[in-house]
Amino acid sequence: MILPSLDEFYQELGIRIKSERLRRNIKQEDLGSYLDLSRASITNLEKGKHRPSLYQIILIANYFKMDYSDLIPVLTEKQKVKVKTRELKNIVTDQDKLDKITQSAVLDFLTAIKKD
């Protein structure tokens, strides 16, 4: 398991909470009411500025009818490799940095690695 820095942890947690809230068409006011927090507190939570307790994270997951661990931003080693591969692919496909032949060779290599 790979943990991000503390600030990155809460920023990613906020992103996940906001994403779930929007996906379910839930207003910040409704989530705030459930948690006994103001809309401003929910905004801060979604920006990673408010650091909820574990109990609040469990309450949020319960409200969304999901497992709380799905909100927690951790990566397995395999997920980390996928992220790094995606980052490399973005670098490789930057037209200004590599010619077509090099792009093709690197993308072929990344594809071969991905199959393993």
N, C-alpha and C. Protein backbone atom coordinates (compact mmCIF):
# COMPACT_ATOMS: atom_id res chain seq x y z
N MET A 1 0.85 -1.17 0.00
CA MET A 1 0.00 0.00 0.00
C MET A 1 0.90 1.23 0.00
N ILE A 2 0.52 2.20 -0.80
CA ILE A 2 1.30 3.43 -0.92
C ILE A 2 0.41 4.59 -0.50
N LEU A 3 0.88 5.35 0.48
CA LEU A 3 0.12 6.50 0.96
C LEU A 3 0.69 7.78 0.37
N PRO A 4 -0.18 8.68 -0.04
CA PRO A 4 0.29 9.99 -0.49
C PRO A 4 0.70 10.83 0.73
N SER A 5 1.26 12.01 0.50
CA SER A 5 1.57 12.91 1.61
C SER A 5 0.25 13.29 2.29
N LEU A 6 0.34 13.86 3.48
CA LEU A 6 -0.85 14.20 4.24
C LEU A 6 -1.75 15.17 3.47
N ASP A 7 -1.16 16.22 2.90
CA ASP A 7 -1.95 17.19 2.14
C ASP A 7 -2.58 16.53 0.91
N GLU A 8 -1.81 15.71 0.19
CA GLU A 8 -2.34 15.01 -0.99
C GLU A 8 -3.46 14.05 -0.59
N PHE A 9 -3.31 13.41 0.57
CA PHE A 9 -4.32 12.48 1.06
C PHE A 9 -5.66 13.19 1.19
N TYR A 10 -5.68 14.33 1.88
CA TYR A 10 -6.94 15.04 2.11
C TYR A 10 -7.46 15.69 0.84
N GLN A 11 -6.59 16.12 -0.05
CA GLN A 11 -7.05 16.66 -1.33
C GLN A 11 -7.73 15.58 -2.16
N GLU A 12 -7.11 14.41 -2.23
CA GLU A 12 -7.69 13.30 -3.00
C GLU A 12 -8.97 12.79 -2.33
N LEU A 13 -9.00 12.73 -1.02
CA LEU A 13 -10.21 12.35 -0.30
C LEU A 13 -11.34 13.31 -0.66
N GLY A 14 -11.06 14.60 -0.65
CA GLY A 14 -12.06 15.61 -1.01
C GLY A 14 -12.55 15.45 -2.43
N ILE A 15 -11.63 15.16 -3.34
CA ILE A 15 -12.00 14.93 -4.74
C ILE A 15 -12.94 13.74 -4.87
N ARG A 16 -12.62 12.67 -4.14
CA ARG A 16 -13.47 11.47 -4.20
C ARG A 16 -14.85 11.72 -3.62
N ILE A 17 -14.90 12.46 -2.52
CA ILE A 17 -16.19 12.77 -1.90
C ILE A 17 -17.01 13.65 -2.85
N LYS A 18 -16.40 14.67 -3.42
CA LYS A 18 -17.11 15.54 -4.34
C LYS A 18 -17.59 14.76 -5.56
N SER A 19 -16.74 13.91 -6.08
CA SER A 19 -17.10 13.11 -7.25
C SER A 19 -18.31 12.24 -6.96
N GLU A 20 -18.32 11.58 -5.83
CA GLU A 20 -19.47 10.73 -5.44
C GLU A 20 -20.71 11.58 -5.24
N ARG A 21 -20.55 12.73 -4.60
CA ARG A 21 -21.70 13.60 -4.34
C ARG A 21 -22.33 14.07 -5.66
N LEU A 22 -21.48 14.49 -6.60
CA LEU A 22 -22.00 14.96 -7.89
C LEU A 22 -22.60 13.82 -8.70
N ARG A 23 -21.95 12.66 -8.64
CA ARG A 23 -22.45 11.50 -9.38
C ARG A 23 -23.85 11.10 -8.92
N ARG A 24 -24.10 11.33 -7.65
CA ARG A 24 -25.39 10.96 -7.07
C ARG A 24 -26.38 12.15 -7.00
N ASN A 25 -25.98 13.27 -7.59
CA ASN A 25 -26.82 14.48 -7.60
C ASN A 25 -27.24 14.91 -6.20
N ILE A 26 -26.28 14.91 -5.28
CA ILE A 26 -26.53 15.32 -3.90
C ILE A 26 -25.98 16.74 -3.73
N LYS A 27 -26.76 17.61 -3.12
CA LYS A 27 -26.32 18.98 -2.86
C LYS A 27 -25.39 19.01 -1.64
N GLN A 28 -24.49 19.99 -1.65
CA GLN A 28 -23.60 20.16 -0.50
C GLN A 28 -24.41 20.38 0.78
N GLU A 29 -25.49 21.11 0.67
CA GLU A 29 -26.34 21.38 1.82
C GLU A 29 -26.91 20.09 2.42
N ASP A 30 -27.30 19.15 1.55
CA ASP A 30 -27.88 17.89 2.02
C ASP A 30 -26.84 17.03 2.74
N LEU A 31 -25.63 16.96 2.15
CA LEU A 31 -24.56 16.21 2.80
C LEU A 31 -24.18 16.89 4.11
N GLY A 32 -24.10 18.20 4.08
CA GLY A 32 -23.77 18.95 5.29
C GLY A 32 -24.80 18.75 6.40
N SER A 33 -26.06 18.74 6.02
CA SER A 33 -27.12 18.51 7.00
C SER A 33 -26.98 17.13 7.64
N TYR A 34 -26.68 16.13 6.83
CA TYR A 34 -26.51 14.77 7.34
C TYR A 34 -25.33 14.69 8.31
N LEU A 35 -24.26 15.44 8.01
CA LEU A 35 -23.05 15.40 8.84
C LEU A 35 -23.07 16.46 9.94
N ASP A 36 -24.13 17.28 9.97
CA ASP A 36 -24.22 18.41 10.89
C ASP A 36 -23.07 19.40 10.66
N LEU A 37 -22.81 19.67 9.36
CA LEU A 37 -21.79 20.63 8.95
C LEU A 37 -22.43 21.65 8.02
N SER A 38 -21.83 22.82 7.94
CA SER A 38 -22.33 23.85 7.03
C SER A 38 -21.93 23.52 5.59
N ARG A 39 -22.58 24.20 4.65
CA ARG A 39 -22.20 24.03 3.24
C ARG A 39 -20.76 24.46 3.03
N ALA A 40 -20.33 25.52 3.72
CA ALA A 40 -18.94 25.98 3.62
C ALA A 40 -17.97 24.90 4.11
N SER A 41 -18.34 24.18 5.13
CA SER A 41 -17.49 23.09 5.63
C SER A 41 -17.38 21.97 4.60
N ILE A 42 -18.48 21.68 3.92
CA ILE A 42 -18.46 20.66 2.86
C ILE A 42 -17.56 21.13 1.72
N THR A 43 -17.66 22.41 1.36
CA THR A 43 -16.77 22.97 0.33
C THR A 43 -15.32 22.79 0.73
N ASN A 44 -15.00 23.12 1.97
CA ASN A 44 -13.63 22.97 2.46
C ASN A 44 -13.20 21.51 2.50
N LEU A 45 -14.12 20.62 2.85
CA LEU A 45 -13.82 19.19 2.85
C LEU A 45 -13.47 18.74 1.43
N GLU A 46 -14.25 19.18 0.46
CA GLU A 46 -14.03 18.77 -0.93
C GLU A 46 -12.76 19.38 -1.52
N LYS A 47 -12.27 20.45 -0.94
CA LYS A 47 -11.02 21.07 -1.39
C LYS A 47 -9.81 20.53 -0.62
N GLY A 48 -10.06 19.67 0.36
CA GLY A 48 -8.97 19.11 1.15
C GLY A 48 -8.53 20.00 2.29
N LYS A 49 -9.28 21.04 2.56
CA LYS A 49 -8.92 21.97 3.65
C LYS A 49 -9.48 21.52 4.99
N HIS A 50 -10.64 20.88 4.98
CA HIS A 50 -11.23 20.33 6.20
C HIS A 50 -10.81 18.87 6.28
N ARG A 51 -10.26 18.48 7.39
CA ARG A 51 -9.77 17.11 7.56
C ARG A 51 -10.76 16.34 8.43
N PRO A 52 -11.62 15.57 7.78
CA PRO A 52 -12.66 14.86 8.54
C PRO A 52 -12.07 13.74 9.39
N SER A 53 -12.78 13.45 10.47
CA SER A 53 -12.40 12.33 11.31
C SER A 53 -12.75 11.03 10.59
N LEU A 54 -12.21 9.94 11.08
CA LEU A 54 -12.56 8.63 10.51
C LEU A 54 -14.06 8.39 10.64
N TYR A 55 -14.63 8.81 11.75
CA TYR A 55 -16.06 8.66 11.96
C TYR A 55 -16.84 9.41 10.88
N GLN A 56 -16.41 10.64 10.56
CA GLN A 56 -17.09 11.41 9.51
C GLN A 56 -16.94 10.74 8.14
N ILE A 57 -15.77 10.17 7.88
CA ILE A 57 -15.56 9.46 6.61
C ILE A 57 -16.52 8.27 6.51
N ILE A 58 -16.68 7.56 7.61
CA ILE A 58 -17.60 6.42 7.63
C ILE A 58 -19.04 6.90 7.44
N LEU A 59 -19.39 8.02 8.07
CA LEU A 59 -20.74 8.58 7.89
C LEU A 59 -20.97 8.97 6.43
N ILE A 60 -19.98 9.59 5.81
CA ILE A 60 -20.11 9.99 4.41
C ILE A 60 -20.32 8.76 3.53
N ALA A 61 -19.50 7.74 3.75
CA ALA A 61 -19.64 6.50 2.97
C ALA A 61 -21.02 5.88 3.19
N ASN A 62 -21.48 5.91 4.41
CA ASN A 62 -22.82 5.38 4.72
C ASN A 62 -23.89 6.17 3.97
N TYR A 63 -23.75 7.47 3.93
CA TYR A 63 -24.71 8.32 3.22
C TYR A 63 -24.72 7.99 1.73
N PHE A 64 -23.53 7.71 1.19
CA PHE A 64 -23.42 7.34 -0.23
C PHE A 64 -23.72 5.86 -0.49
N LYS A 65 -23.97 5.09 0.60
CA LYS A 65 -24.22 3.65 0.50
C LYS A 65 -23.06 2.94 -0.20
N MET A 66 -21.86 3.21 0.31
CA MET A 66 -20.66 2.60 -0.25
C MET A 66 -19.71 2.24 0.88
N ASP A 67 -18.72 1.45 0.57
CA ASP A 67 -17.71 1.08 1.56
C ASP A 67 -16.77 2.27 1.79
N TYR A 68 -16.50 2.57 3.05
CA TYR A 68 -15.65 3.73 3.34
C TYR A 68 -14.26 3.60 2.73
N SER A 69 -13.77 2.39 2.56
CA SER A 69 -12.42 2.21 2.01
C SER A 69 -12.32 2.70 0.57
N ASP A 70 -13.46 2.79 -0.12
CA ASP A 70 -13.44 3.32 -1.49
C ASP A 70 -13.18 4.82 -1.53
N LEU A 71 -13.36 5.49 -0.40
CA LEU A 71 -13.07 6.92 -0.34
C LEU A 71 -11.61 7.20 0.03
N ILE A 72 -10.95 6.22 0.61
CA ILE A 72 -9.60 6.40 1.12
C ILE A 72 -8.58 6.33 -0.02
N PRO A 73 -7.79 7.38 -0.20
CA PRO A 73 -6.84 7.42 -1.32
C PRO A 73 -5.52 6.71 -1.02
N VAL A 74 -5.48 5.42 -1.30
CA VAL A 74 -4.24 4.65 -1.22
C VAL A 74 -4.07 3.91 -2.54
N LEU A 75 -2.84 3.61 -2.86
CA LEU A 75 -2.56 2.87 -4.09
C LEU A 75 -1.86 1.57 -3.76
N THR A 76 -2.19 0.53 -4.49
CA THR A 76 -1.41 -0.68 -4.41
C THR A 76 -0.23 -0.50 -5.35
N GLU A 77 0.75 -1.36 -5.26
CA GLU A 77 1.91 -1.26 -6.14
C GLU A 77 1.50 -1.36 -7.60
N LYS A 78 0.53 -2.23 -7.91
CA LYS A 78 0.06 -2.40 -9.28
C LYS A 78 -0.61 -1.12 -9.79
N GLN A 79 -1.42 -0.47 -8.95
CA GLN A 79 -2.06 0.78 -9.35
C GLN A 79 -1.02 1.88 -9.59
N LYS A 80 0.03 1.88 -8.76
CA LYS A 80 1.08 2.88 -8.92
C LYS A 80 1.76 2.73 -10.27
N VAL A 81 1.99 1.50 -10.70
CA VAL A 81 2.62 1.25 -12.00
C VAL A 81 1.71 1.77 -13.11
N LYS A 82 0.39 1.55 -13.00
CA LYS A 82 -0.55 2.04 -14.01
C LYS A 82 -0.52 3.55 -14.08
N VAL A 83 -0.46 4.21 -12.93
CA VAL A 83 -0.41 5.68 -12.91
C VAL A 83 0.87 6.15 -13.57
N LYS A 84 1.99 5.54 -13.22
CA LYS A 84 3.27 5.94 -13.81
C LYS A 84 3.26 5.70 -15.32
N THR A 85 2.68 4.59 -15.76
CA THR A 85 2.60 4.30 -17.19
C THR A 85 1.77 5.36 -17.90
N ARG A 86 0.65 5.76 -17.30
CA ARG A 86 -0.20 6.79 -17.89
C ARG A 86 0.55 8.12 -17.96
N GLU A 87 1.32 8.44 -16.90
CA GLU A 87 2.11 9.68 -16.90
C GLU A 87 3.15 9.63 -18.00
N LEU A 88 3.81 8.48 -18.15
CA LEU A 88 4.82 8.33 -19.21
C LEU A 88 4.18 8.48 -20.58
N LYS A 89 3.00 7.88 -20.74
CA LYS A 89 2.32 7.96 -22.03
C LYS A 89 2.01 9.41 -22.38
N ASN A 90 1.59 10.19 -21.38
CA ASN A 90 1.31 11.60 -21.62
C ASN A 90 2.57 12.35 -22.03
N ILE A 91 3.69 12.03 -21.43
CA ILE A 91 4.95 12.66 -21.79
C ILE A 91 5.35 12.25 -23.20
N VAL A 92 5.21 10.96 -23.48
CA VAL A 92 5.62 10.42 -24.77
C VAL A 92 4.81 11.01 -25.92
N THR A 93 3.53 11.24 -25.70
CA THR A 93 2.68 11.71 -26.80
C THR A 93 2.73 13.22 -26.98
N ASP A 94 3.56 13.91 -26.22
CA ASP A 94 3.73 15.35 -26.41
C ASP A 94 4.48 15.58 -27.71
N GLN A 95 3.80 16.10 -28.70
CA GLN A 95 4.34 16.26 -30.05
C GLN A 95 5.61 17.10 -30.10
N ASP A 96 5.75 18.05 -29.19
CA ASP A 96 6.89 18.95 -29.23
C ASP A 96 8.18 18.31 -28.73
N LYS A 97 8.08 17.20 -28.01
CA LYS A 97 9.26 16.65 -27.38
C LYS A 97 9.88 15.46 -28.11
N LEU A 98 9.06 14.67 -28.81
CA LEU A 98 9.58 13.47 -29.45
C LEU A 98 9.10 13.38 -30.89
N ASP A 99 9.96 12.82 -31.73
CA ASP A 99 9.54 12.60 -33.11
C ASP A 99 8.64 11.37 -33.19
N LYS A 100 7.97 11.16 -34.31
CA LYS A 100 6.99 10.07 -34.48
C LYS A 100 7.60 8.69 -34.25
N ILE A 101 8.78 8.46 -34.75
CA ILE A 101 9.41 7.14 -34.60
C ILE A 101 9.68 6.84 -33.14
N THR A 102 10.20 7.82 -32.41
CA THR A 102 10.47 7.63 -30.98
C THR A 102 9.17 7.42 -30.22
N GLN A 103 8.14 8.22 -30.54
CA GLN A 103 6.84 8.06 -29.90
C GLN A 103 6.32 6.64 -30.09
N SER A 104 6.38 6.17 -31.30
CA SER A 104 5.89 4.83 -31.62
C SER A 104 6.65 3.77 -30.84
N ALA A 105 7.96 3.89 -30.80
CA ALA A 105 8.79 2.89 -30.11
C ALA A 105 8.49 2.86 -28.62
N VAL A 106 8.36 4.03 -28.01
CA VAL A 106 8.09 4.09 -26.58
C VAL A 106 6.68 3.59 -26.27
N LEU A 107 5.71 3.95 -27.09
CA LEU A 107 4.34 3.47 -26.86
C LEU A 107 4.25 1.96 -27.04
N ASP A 108 4.98 1.40 -28.00
CA ASP A 108 5.02 -0.06 -28.17
C ASP A 108 5.60 -0.71 -26.92
N PHE A 109 6.65 -0.12 -26.39
CA PHE A 109 7.28 -0.64 -25.18
C PHE A 109 6.30 -0.58 -24.00
N LEU A 110 5.62 0.55 -23.83
CA LEU A 110 4.66 0.68 -22.73
C LEU A 110 3.51 -0.31 -22.87
N THR A 111 3.07 -0.53 -24.08
CA THR A 111 2.00 -1.50 -24.33
C THR A 111 2.45 -2.90 -23.96
N ALA A 112 3.68 -3.25 -24.30
CA ALA A 112 4.23 -4.56 -23.95
C ALA A 112 4.31 -4.74 -22.45
N ILE A 113 4.71 -3.70 -21.74
CA ILE A 113 4.80 -3.76 -20.28
C ILE A 113 3.40 -3.92 -19.68
N LYS A 114 2.44 -3.21 -20.22
CA LYS A 114 1.07 -3.24 -19.71
C LYS A 114 0.47 -4.63 -19.80
N LYS A 115 0.84 -5.39 -20.83
CA LYS A 115 0.29 -6.75 -21.00
C LYS A 115 0.75 -7.68 -19.90
N ASP A 116 1.92 -7.41 -19.32
CA ASP A 116 2.44 -8.26 -18.24
C ASP A 116 1.75 -7.97 -16.97
